[in-house]
Protein backbone atom coordinates (compact mmCIF):
# COMPACT_ATOMS: atom_id res chain seq x y z
CA UNK A 1 16.96 -33.10 -5.51
CA UNK A 2 15.61 -32.03 -8.95
CA UNK A 3 12.16 -31.56 -7.45
CA UNK A 4 13.60 -29.34 -4.66
CA UNK A 5 15.43 -27.17 -7.19
CA UNK A 6 12.07 -26.76 -9.10
CA UNK A 7 10.14 -25.93 -5.98
CA UNK A 8 12.64 -23.29 -5.07
CA UNK A 9 12.61 -21.86 -8.55
CA UNK A 10 8.87 -21.81 -8.56
CA UNK A 11 8.56 -20.08 -5.23
CA UNK A 12 11.28 -17.38 -6.24
CA UNK A 13 9.40 -16.79 -9.51
CA UNK A 14 6.22 -16.48 -7.64
CA UNK A 15 7.49 -13.86 -5.09
CA UNK A 16 9.30 -11.97 -7.69
CA UNK A 17 6.43 -11.52 -10.09
CA UNK A 18 3.68 -11.22 -7.46
CA UNK A 19 1.95 -7.88 -7.70
CA UNK A 20 3.06 -5.63 -4.91
CA UNK A 21 2.56 -2.08 -3.56
CA UNK A 22 4.32 0.47 -5.56
CA UNK A 23 7.36 1.93 -3.90
CA UNK A 24 6.92 5.57 -2.88
CA UNK A 25 9.61 7.53 -0.98
CA UNK A 26 7.52 10.81 -0.42
CA UNK A 27 4.49 12.56 -1.42
CA UNK A 28 4.92 15.52 -3.69
CA UNK A 29 1.19 16.63 -3.52
CA UNK A 30 -2.04 15.74 -1.56
CA UNK A 31 -5.46 14.52 -2.36
CA UNK A 32 -7.80 17.31 -2.14
CA UNK A 33 -10.92 15.20 -1.14
CA UNK A 34 -11.26 12.56 1.54
CA UNK A 35 -11.08 8.88 0.50
CA UNK A 36 -14.00 6.74 1.01
CA UNK A 37 -13.08 4.51 4.04
CA UNK A 38 -14.26 1.20 2.18
CA UNK A 39 -11.70 2.01 -0.63
CA UNK A 40 -8.66 2.02 1.78
CA UNK A 41 -6.72 -1.24 1.93
CA UNK A 42 -3.96 0.11 4.00
CA UNK A 43 -1.40 2.82 4.73
CA UNK A 44 2.36 3.10 5.06
CA UNK A 45 3.45 3.58 8.69
CA UNK A 46 6.75 5.17 7.73
CA UNK A 47 5.27 7.76 5.36
CA UNK A 48 2.19 9.59 7.18
CA UNK A 49 -0.87 10.07 4.98
CA UNK A 50 0.02 7.62 2.23
CA UNK A 51 -2.82 5.21 1.70
CA UNK A 52 -3.05 2.14 -0.49
CA UNK A 53 -6.61 1.57 -2.02
CA UNK A 54 -8.11 -1.78 -2.77
CA UNK A 55 -7.24 -1.53 -6.42
CA UNK A 56 -3.57 -1.15 -5.36
CA UNK A 57 -3.21 2.71 -6.12
CA UNK A 58 -1.17 5.02 -3.81
CA UNK A 59 -2.82 8.13 -2.60
CA UNK A 60 -1.13 10.79 -0.72
CA UNK A 61 -2.89 12.83 1.76
CA UNK A 62 -2.14 15.55 4.41
CA UNK A 63 -1.49 13.73 7.58
CA UNK A 64 -2.57 16.88 9.53
CA UNK A 65 -6.26 16.59 8.02
CA UNK A 66 -8.71 15.26 10.48
CA UNK A 67 -10.13 12.90 7.84
CA UNK A 68 -6.70 11.29 7.44
CA UNK A 69 -6.28 10.69 11.14
CA UNK A 70 -9.77 9.11 11.08
CA UNK A 71 -8.98 7.00 8.14
CA UNK A 72 -5.86 5.79 9.75
CA UNK A 73 -7.60 4.87 13.03
CA UNK A 74 -10.25 3.06 10.95
CA UNK A 75 -7.81 0.89 8.86
CA UNK A 76 -6.01 -0.13 12.02
C-alpha cells in the first residue's frame, strides 16, 4: 500500500510540475510578420490565430491573414 501511495504522489507531482502551454484567453495584438512553418508546434482550436512555437512561446496572429490560414492547415 505504501508503494501505491508513493506512485500516486509521484504521478501527481510530475503532472503538476510538467511544463505546459501558457494559458492565454485572448490576443491583444497580432504578430506583424509570418512565422516560419518549422517553428510552429501547434495552435489553439478555440482561439483562432494563436500559435505555440517549438520553444513553447505563444504567438498571436490575425486569423484573417492568408499565411495564418496556411499555417493552420500545415500544422493539422
